[in-house]
N, C-alpha and C. Protein backbone atom coordinates (compact mmCIF):
# COMPACT_ATOMS: atom_id res chain seq x y z
N MET A 1 -12.36 2.53 12.32
CA MET A 1 -10.94 2.37 12.09
C MET A 1 -10.14 3.59 12.56
N ASN A 2 -10.79 4.70 12.85
CA ASN A 2 -10.05 5.91 13.20
C ASN A 2 -9.17 5.73 14.42
N ALA A 3 -9.57 4.92 15.38
CA ALA A 3 -8.81 4.80 16.62
C ALA A 3 -7.73 3.71 16.55
N LEU A 4 -7.66 2.96 15.47
CA LEU A 4 -6.72 1.84 15.38
C LEU A 4 -5.28 2.34 15.31
N THR A 5 -4.45 1.80 16.19
CA THR A 5 -3.02 2.07 16.21
C THR A 5 -2.28 0.78 15.87
N ILE A 6 -1.29 0.89 15.02
CA ILE A 6 -0.46 -0.26 14.66
C ILE A 6 0.80 -0.25 15.51
N ALA A 7 1.03 -1.33 16.23
CA ALA A 7 2.28 -1.51 16.97
C ALA A 7 3.20 -2.34 16.08
N ILE A 8 4.31 -1.75 15.67
CA ILE A 8 5.30 -2.45 14.84
C ILE A 8 6.39 -2.93 15.78
N VAL A 9 6.44 -4.25 15.99
CA VAL A 9 7.44 -4.84 16.88
C VAL A 9 8.48 -5.50 15.99
N GLU A 10 9.58 -4.78 15.77
CA GLU A 10 10.58 -5.16 14.78
C GLU A 10 11.94 -4.65 15.22
N ASP A 11 12.92 -5.56 15.29
CA ASP A 11 14.25 -5.16 15.74
C ASP A 11 15.10 -4.55 14.64
N ASP A 12 14.77 -4.76 13.39
CA ASP A 12 15.53 -4.22 12.27
C ASP A 12 14.98 -2.83 11.92
N GLU A 13 15.76 -1.79 12.21
CA GLU A 13 15.33 -0.41 11.98
C GLU A 13 14.93 -0.18 10.53
N GLY A 14 15.69 -0.73 9.59
CA GLY A 14 15.38 -0.56 8.17
C GLY A 14 14.05 -1.19 7.81
N HIS A 15 13.80 -2.40 8.31
CA HIS A 15 12.52 -3.05 8.04
C HIS A 15 11.37 -2.24 8.64
N ALA A 16 11.57 -1.74 9.86
CA ALA A 16 10.51 -0.97 10.53
C ALA A 16 10.16 0.28 9.73
N ARG A 17 11.18 1.00 9.25
CA ARG A 17 10.93 2.20 8.44
C ARG A 17 10.24 1.85 7.13
N LEU A 18 10.66 0.75 6.52
CA LEU A 18 10.05 0.31 5.27
C LEU A 18 8.59 -0.08 5.49
N ILE A 19 8.31 -0.74 6.58
CA ILE A 19 6.93 -1.12 6.90
C ILE A 19 6.06 0.13 7.06
N GLU A 20 6.53 1.06 7.86
CA GLU A 20 5.74 2.27 8.09
C GLU A 20 5.54 3.05 6.78
N LYS A 21 6.60 3.23 6.02
CA LYS A 21 6.53 3.97 4.76
C LYS A 21 5.52 3.34 3.81
N ASN A 22 5.54 2.02 3.70
CA ASN A 22 4.66 1.36 2.74
C ASN A 22 3.24 1.19 3.24
N LEU A 23 3.04 1.18 4.55
CA LEU A 23 1.67 1.27 5.07
C LEU A 23 1.06 2.59 4.63
N ARG A 24 1.85 3.67 4.72
CA ARG A 24 1.39 5.00 4.30
C ARG A 24 1.10 5.01 2.79
N ARG A 25 1.99 4.38 2.02
CA ARG A 25 1.76 4.30 0.56
C ARG A 25 0.48 3.54 0.24
N GLY A 26 0.11 2.61 1.13
CA GLY A 26 -1.12 1.86 0.96
C GLY A 26 -2.35 2.62 1.45
N GLY A 27 -2.14 3.85 1.90
CA GLY A 27 -3.26 4.68 2.32
C GLY A 27 -3.60 4.57 3.79
N PHE A 28 -2.80 3.86 4.56
CA PHE A 28 -3.08 3.72 5.99
C PHE A 28 -2.48 4.91 6.73
N ALA A 29 -3.33 5.78 7.24
CA ALA A 29 -2.87 7.03 7.85
C ALA A 29 -2.94 7.02 9.37
N ASN A 30 -3.38 5.93 9.95
CA ASN A 30 -3.50 5.85 11.40
C ASN A 30 -2.14 5.85 12.07
N PRO A 31 -2.12 6.11 13.38
CA PRO A 31 -0.84 6.15 14.10
C PRO A 31 -0.15 4.79 14.12
N THR A 32 1.17 4.85 14.12
CA THR A 32 1.98 3.65 14.32
C THR A 32 2.92 3.92 15.49
N GLU A 33 3.26 2.85 16.17
CA GLU A 33 4.24 2.92 17.26
C GLU A 33 5.26 1.83 16.99
N ARG A 34 6.53 2.13 17.18
CA ARG A 34 7.58 1.14 16.92
C ARG A 34 8.22 0.70 18.23
N TYR A 35 8.41 -0.60 18.34
CA TYR A 35 9.07 -1.21 19.49
C TYR A 35 10.24 -2.03 18.96
N PRO A 36 11.45 -1.80 19.49
CA PRO A 36 12.65 -2.43 18.91
C PRO A 36 12.84 -3.91 19.26
N ASN A 37 12.05 -4.43 20.18
CA ASN A 37 12.11 -5.86 20.48
C ASN A 37 10.89 -6.26 21.30
N GLY A 38 10.72 -7.56 21.47
CA GLY A 38 9.57 -8.07 22.19
C GLY A 38 9.51 -7.66 23.65
N ARG A 39 10.66 -7.54 24.29
CA ARG A 39 10.71 -7.14 25.71
C ARG A 39 10.16 -5.73 25.90
N VAL A 40 10.59 -4.80 25.06
CA VAL A 40 10.13 -3.42 25.18
C VAL A 40 8.62 -3.36 24.94
N PHE A 41 8.14 -4.08 23.93
CA PHE A 41 6.70 -4.07 23.66
C PHE A 41 5.92 -4.70 24.80
N TRP A 42 6.37 -5.85 25.29
CA TRP A 42 5.65 -6.52 26.39
C TRP A 42 5.62 -5.64 27.64
N ASP A 43 6.76 -5.02 27.96
CA ASP A 43 6.80 -4.12 29.11
C ASP A 43 5.81 -2.98 28.94
N TYR A 44 5.73 -2.43 27.72
CA TYR A 44 4.77 -1.37 27.45
C TYR A 44 3.34 -1.86 27.67
N LEU A 45 3.01 -3.01 27.10
CA LEU A 45 1.65 -3.54 27.25
C LEU A 45 1.28 -3.74 28.70
N THR A 46 2.18 -4.32 29.45
CA THR A 46 1.83 -4.72 30.82
C THR A 46 1.97 -3.61 31.85
N THR A 47 2.64 -2.52 31.50
CA THR A 47 2.79 -1.44 32.49
C THR A 47 2.14 -0.14 32.06
N VAL A 48 2.37 0.28 30.84
CA VAL A 48 1.89 1.59 30.40
C VAL A 48 0.51 1.50 29.77
N ALA A 49 0.34 0.57 28.84
CA ALA A 49 -0.90 0.51 28.06
C ALA A 49 -2.07 0.02 28.89
N SER A 50 -1.88 -0.90 29.76
CA SER A 50 -2.87 -1.58 30.59
C SER A 50 -4.09 -2.07 29.82
N GLN A 51 -4.81 -1.22 29.14
CA GLN A 51 -5.98 -1.64 28.37
C GLN A 51 -6.01 -0.98 26.99
N PRO A 52 -5.07 -1.31 26.12
CA PRO A 52 -5.12 -0.71 24.79
C PRO A 52 -6.40 -1.15 24.08
N SER A 53 -7.21 -0.21 23.63
CA SER A 53 -8.51 -0.59 23.10
C SER A 53 -8.49 -0.93 21.62
N GLN A 54 -7.76 -0.22 20.82
CA GLN A 54 -7.79 -0.45 19.38
C GLN A 54 -6.38 -0.61 18.83
N TYR A 55 -5.79 -1.76 19.09
CA TYR A 55 -4.45 -2.05 18.62
C TYR A 55 -4.48 -3.19 17.62
N LEU A 56 -3.50 -3.17 16.75
CA LEU A 56 -3.19 -4.29 15.90
C LEU A 56 -1.67 -4.38 15.92
N VAL A 57 -1.14 -5.58 16.08
CA VAL A 57 0.29 -5.76 16.25
C VAL A 57 0.88 -6.42 15.01
N LEU A 58 1.90 -5.78 14.44
CA LEU A 58 2.73 -6.39 13.41
C LEU A 58 3.98 -6.89 14.12
N LEU A 59 4.17 -8.19 14.16
CA LEU A 59 5.16 -8.80 15.04
C LEU A 59 6.17 -9.62 14.27
N ASP A 60 7.44 -9.25 14.41
CA ASP A 60 8.53 -10.06 13.86
C ASP A 60 8.77 -11.23 14.82
N LEU A 61 9.24 -12.35 14.32
CA LEU A 61 9.51 -13.49 15.19
C LEU A 61 10.93 -13.48 15.74
N ASN A 62 11.90 -13.15 14.91
CA ASN A 62 13.31 -13.30 15.26
C ASN A 62 13.86 -12.00 15.84
N MET A 63 13.75 -11.87 17.16
CA MET A 63 14.24 -10.68 17.85
C MET A 63 15.00 -11.08 19.10
N PRO A 64 15.93 -10.22 19.52
CA PRO A 64 16.66 -10.50 20.77
C PRO A 64 15.78 -10.22 21.99
N GLU A 65 16.21 -10.69 23.11
CA GLU A 65 15.60 -10.48 24.44
C GLU A 65 14.31 -11.25 24.62
N LEU A 66 13.31 -10.98 23.82
CA LEU A 66 12.05 -11.71 23.90
C LEU A 66 11.54 -11.84 22.47
N ASP A 67 11.55 -13.07 21.94
CA ASP A 67 11.20 -13.22 20.53
C ASP A 67 9.70 -13.07 20.31
N GLY A 68 9.33 -12.94 19.05
CA GLY A 68 7.94 -12.71 18.70
C GLY A 68 7.03 -13.84 19.08
N TYR A 69 7.51 -15.07 18.99
CA TYR A 69 6.68 -16.21 19.37
C TYR A 69 6.30 -16.13 20.85
N GLU A 70 7.25 -15.77 21.70
CA GLU A 70 6.97 -15.67 23.13
C GLU A 70 6.00 -14.51 23.41
N VAL A 71 6.16 -13.39 22.70
CA VAL A 71 5.22 -12.28 22.84
C VAL A 71 3.81 -12.73 22.45
N LEU A 72 3.71 -13.43 21.32
CA LEU A 72 2.42 -13.94 20.85
C LEU A 72 1.78 -14.84 21.90
N LYS A 73 2.55 -15.79 22.42
CA LYS A 73 2.02 -16.71 23.44
C LYS A 73 1.52 -15.95 24.66
N ARG A 74 2.30 -14.99 25.12
CA ARG A 74 1.91 -14.21 26.29
C ARG A 74 0.64 -13.41 26.04
N MET A 75 0.58 -12.76 24.87
CA MET A 75 -0.60 -11.95 24.56
C MET A 75 -1.86 -12.81 24.51
N LYS A 76 -1.77 -13.94 23.83
CA LYS A 76 -2.96 -14.76 23.63
C LYS A 76 -3.38 -15.53 24.88
N SER A 77 -2.48 -15.64 25.85
CA SER A 77 -2.85 -16.32 27.10
C SER A 77 -3.24 -15.33 28.20
N ASP A 78 -3.13 -14.04 27.92
CA ASP A 78 -3.46 -13.02 28.91
C ASP A 78 -4.82 -12.41 28.56
N PRO A 79 -5.80 -12.52 29.46
CA PRO A 79 -7.14 -12.00 29.16
C PRO A 79 -7.18 -10.51 28.84
N ARG A 80 -6.18 -9.77 29.27
CA ARG A 80 -6.15 -8.33 28.98
C ARG A 80 -5.84 -8.05 27.52
N PHE A 81 -5.13 -8.98 26.85
CA PHE A 81 -4.60 -8.69 25.52
C PHE A 81 -4.97 -9.71 24.45
N HIS A 82 -5.65 -10.78 24.82
CA HIS A 82 -5.82 -11.86 23.84
C HIS A 82 -6.70 -11.50 22.64
N ARG A 83 -7.48 -10.44 22.74
CA ARG A 83 -8.33 -10.04 21.61
C ARG A 83 -7.59 -9.12 20.62
N ILE A 84 -6.43 -8.67 20.97
CA ILE A 84 -5.67 -7.80 20.07
C ILE A 84 -5.20 -8.63 18.88
N PRO A 85 -5.55 -8.24 17.66
CA PRO A 85 -5.10 -8.99 16.49
C PRO A 85 -3.58 -8.90 16.32
N VAL A 86 -2.99 -10.04 15.98
CA VAL A 86 -1.55 -10.11 15.77
C VAL A 86 -1.28 -10.65 14.38
N ILE A 87 -0.53 -9.85 13.61
CA ILE A 87 -0.07 -10.27 12.29
C ILE A 87 1.42 -10.53 12.40
N ILE A 88 1.81 -11.77 12.17
CA ILE A 88 3.23 -12.11 12.14
C ILE A 88 3.77 -11.64 10.79
N LEU A 89 4.83 -10.84 10.84
CA LEU A 89 5.46 -10.33 9.63
C LEU A 89 6.95 -10.63 9.78
N THR A 90 7.40 -11.72 9.15
CA THR A 90 8.74 -12.24 9.40
C THR A 90 9.34 -12.86 8.16
N THR A 91 10.64 -13.06 8.17
CA THR A 91 11.32 -13.72 7.05
C THR A 91 11.21 -15.24 7.15
N THR A 92 10.79 -15.75 8.27
CA THR A 92 10.71 -17.20 8.50
C THR A 92 9.54 -17.80 7.72
N ASP A 93 9.86 -18.72 6.79
CA ASP A 93 8.79 -19.35 6.02
C ASP A 93 8.69 -20.86 6.27
N ASP A 94 9.27 -21.31 7.36
CA ASP A 94 9.23 -22.72 7.74
C ASP A 94 7.80 -23.10 8.12
N SER A 95 7.27 -24.14 7.50
CA SER A 95 5.88 -24.54 7.73
C SER A 95 5.61 -24.90 9.19
N ARG A 96 6.62 -25.40 9.90
CA ARG A 96 6.43 -25.72 11.32
C ARG A 96 6.26 -24.45 12.15
N GLU A 97 7.00 -23.40 11.79
CA GLU A 97 6.86 -22.12 12.50
C GLU A 97 5.50 -21.49 12.21
N ILE A 98 5.06 -21.58 10.98
CA ILE A 98 3.75 -21.05 10.61
C ILE A 98 2.67 -21.75 11.42
N GLU A 99 2.72 -23.06 11.45
CA GLU A 99 1.75 -23.85 12.23
C GLU A 99 1.81 -23.49 13.71
N ARG A 100 2.99 -23.37 14.23
CA ARG A 100 3.19 -23.04 15.65
C ARG A 100 2.56 -21.69 15.99
N CYS A 101 2.72 -20.71 15.12
CA CYS A 101 2.15 -19.38 15.37
C CYS A 101 0.64 -19.40 15.30
N TYR A 102 0.08 -20.10 14.33
CA TYR A 102 -1.39 -20.20 14.27
C TYR A 102 -1.93 -20.94 15.49
N GLU A 103 -1.24 -21.98 15.90
CA GLU A 103 -1.65 -22.71 17.11
C GLU A 103 -1.64 -21.81 18.34
N ALA A 104 -0.68 -20.88 18.39
CA ALA A 104 -0.57 -19.97 19.52
C ALA A 104 -1.57 -18.81 19.44
N GLY A 105 -2.22 -18.64 18.28
CA GLY A 105 -3.27 -17.65 18.19
C GLY A 105 -3.04 -16.47 17.27
N CYS A 106 -2.00 -16.52 16.41
CA CYS A 106 -1.83 -15.39 15.49
C CYS A 106 -3.02 -15.34 14.54
N ASN A 107 -3.33 -14.15 14.07
CA ASN A 107 -4.47 -13.97 13.18
C ASN A 107 -4.09 -14.09 11.71
N VAL A 108 -2.87 -13.64 11.37
CA VAL A 108 -2.36 -13.71 10.01
C VAL A 108 -0.85 -13.91 10.09
N TYR A 109 -0.33 -14.70 9.17
CA TYR A 109 1.11 -14.94 9.09
C TYR A 109 1.57 -14.53 7.70
N ILE A 110 2.45 -13.54 7.63
CA ILE A 110 2.96 -13.04 6.35
C ILE A 110 4.48 -13.21 6.35
N THR A 111 4.97 -13.84 5.29
CA THR A 111 6.42 -13.98 5.13
C THR A 111 6.93 -12.77 4.35
N LYS A 112 7.93 -12.10 4.93
CA LYS A 112 8.53 -10.94 4.26
C LYS A 112 9.30 -11.43 3.04
N PRO A 113 8.96 -10.91 1.87
CA PRO A 113 9.81 -11.23 0.71
C PRO A 113 11.21 -10.66 0.91
N VAL A 114 12.21 -11.35 0.41
CA VAL A 114 13.59 -10.92 0.58
C VAL A 114 13.90 -9.70 -0.30
N GLU A 115 13.36 -9.67 -1.52
CA GLU A 115 13.64 -8.58 -2.43
C GLU A 115 12.94 -7.30 -1.97
N TYR A 116 13.65 -6.18 -2.04
CA TYR A 116 13.14 -4.89 -1.58
C TYR A 116 11.79 -4.54 -2.21
N GLU A 117 11.70 -4.62 -3.53
CA GLU A 117 10.47 -4.22 -4.22
C GLU A 117 9.29 -5.10 -3.82
N ARG A 118 9.50 -6.39 -3.74
CA ARG A 118 8.41 -7.30 -3.35
C ARG A 118 8.00 -7.06 -1.91
N PHE A 119 8.96 -6.80 -1.03
CA PHE A 119 8.65 -6.51 0.37
C PHE A 119 7.84 -5.22 0.46
N SER A 120 8.27 -4.19 -0.25
CA SER A 120 7.56 -2.91 -0.25
C SER A 120 6.12 -3.09 -0.74
N GLU A 121 5.95 -3.83 -1.82
CA GLU A 121 4.62 -4.04 -2.38
C GLU A 121 3.74 -4.85 -1.43
N ALA A 122 4.29 -5.86 -0.77
CA ALA A 122 3.52 -6.67 0.17
C ALA A 122 3.01 -5.80 1.33
N VAL A 123 3.85 -4.93 1.85
CA VAL A 123 3.43 -4.07 2.96
C VAL A 123 2.43 -3.01 2.48
N ARG A 124 2.62 -2.49 1.28
CA ARG A 124 1.66 -1.54 0.73
C ARG A 124 0.28 -2.19 0.64
N GLU A 125 0.24 -3.42 0.16
CA GLU A 125 -1.03 -4.15 0.06
C GLU A 125 -1.62 -4.42 1.45
N LEU A 126 -0.76 -4.67 2.42
CA LEU A 126 -1.23 -4.83 3.80
C LEU A 126 -1.89 -3.53 4.27
N GLY A 127 -1.30 -2.38 3.93
CA GLY A 127 -1.90 -1.10 4.27
C GLY A 127 -3.28 -0.93 3.68
N LEU A 128 -3.46 -1.38 2.44
CA LEU A 128 -4.78 -1.33 1.81
C LEU A 128 -5.77 -2.19 2.58
N LEU A 129 -5.34 -3.37 2.99
CA LEU A 129 -6.20 -4.26 3.77
C LEU A 129 -6.58 -3.64 5.11
N LEU A 130 -5.62 -3.04 5.78
CA LEU A 130 -5.88 -2.46 7.09
C LEU A 130 -6.88 -1.32 7.02
N ASN A 131 -6.96 -0.66 5.88
CA ASN A 131 -7.93 0.42 5.72
C ASN A 131 -9.37 -0.05 5.77
N VAL A 132 -9.61 -1.30 5.44
CA VAL A 132 -10.98 -1.81 5.40
C VAL A 132 -11.24 -2.87 6.47
N MET A 133 -10.25 -3.19 7.25
CA MET A 133 -10.34 -4.25 8.26
C MET A 133 -11.03 -3.75 9.52
N ALA A 134 -11.94 -4.54 10.06
CA ALA A 134 -12.58 -4.23 11.33
C ALA A 134 -11.85 -4.97 12.44
N VAL A 135 -11.56 -4.27 13.52
CA VAL A 135 -10.83 -4.84 14.65
C VAL A 135 -11.70 -4.72 15.89
N PRO A 136 -11.86 -5.82 16.66
CA PRO A 136 -12.70 -5.73 17.84
C PRO A 136 -12.04 -4.85 18.91
N GLU A 137 -12.88 -4.23 19.71
CA GLU A 137 -12.35 -3.48 20.84
C GLU A 137 -11.75 -4.48 21.82
N ASN A 138 -10.59 -4.16 22.35
CA ASN A 138 -9.93 -5.06 23.29
C ASN A 138 -10.56 -4.88 24.66
N ARG A 139 -11.28 -5.91 25.08
CA ARG A 139 -11.89 -5.91 26.42
C ARG A 139 -11.44 -7.19 27.11
N PRO A 140 -10.95 -7.09 28.34
CA PRO A 140 -10.56 -8.31 29.03
C PRO A 140 -11.76 -9.19 29.32
N ASP A 141 -11.54 -10.49 29.35
CA ASP A 141 -12.61 -11.41 29.72
C ASP A 141 -13.02 -11.15 31.16
N THR A 142 -14.31 -11.23 31.39
CA THR A 142 -14.83 -11.06 32.75
C THR A 142 -15.21 -12.38 33.36
N GLY A 143 -15.11 -13.44 32.56
CA GLY A 143 -15.46 -14.77 33.07
C GLY A 143 -16.94 -15.05 32.98
N GLN A 144 -17.72 -14.17 32.35
CA GLN A 144 -19.16 -14.36 32.25
C GLN A 144 -19.55 -14.72 30.85
């Protein structure tokens, strides 16, 4: 777990800070990177990161420019990135959206509680989970 980096793809600055703060409260001390929308994150993945080996993505759905669903679809259809675990962390609790994200390949779907305290506690508990979670190394498919 030492090499695992969390990519927080979230357009709401307050939510992003709250997520990072409560991951730390949950004991998760690994690096985090924040991306303000799906376009910035996708551009990073496809140009700078090229082969991120130990990433886990916390992805909001409702963002400008490139929404989280489109980022998820692109990641899971691209052999370079499809093994990177994606946790949807969004306010959307519509069962059709949940189904759509799982169909597209998300690993976990978490609905952000609206109340501050419940949201903080949910993210803190996520931090506890991330401390014990094993993540596969991201290797592109070779076709073999």
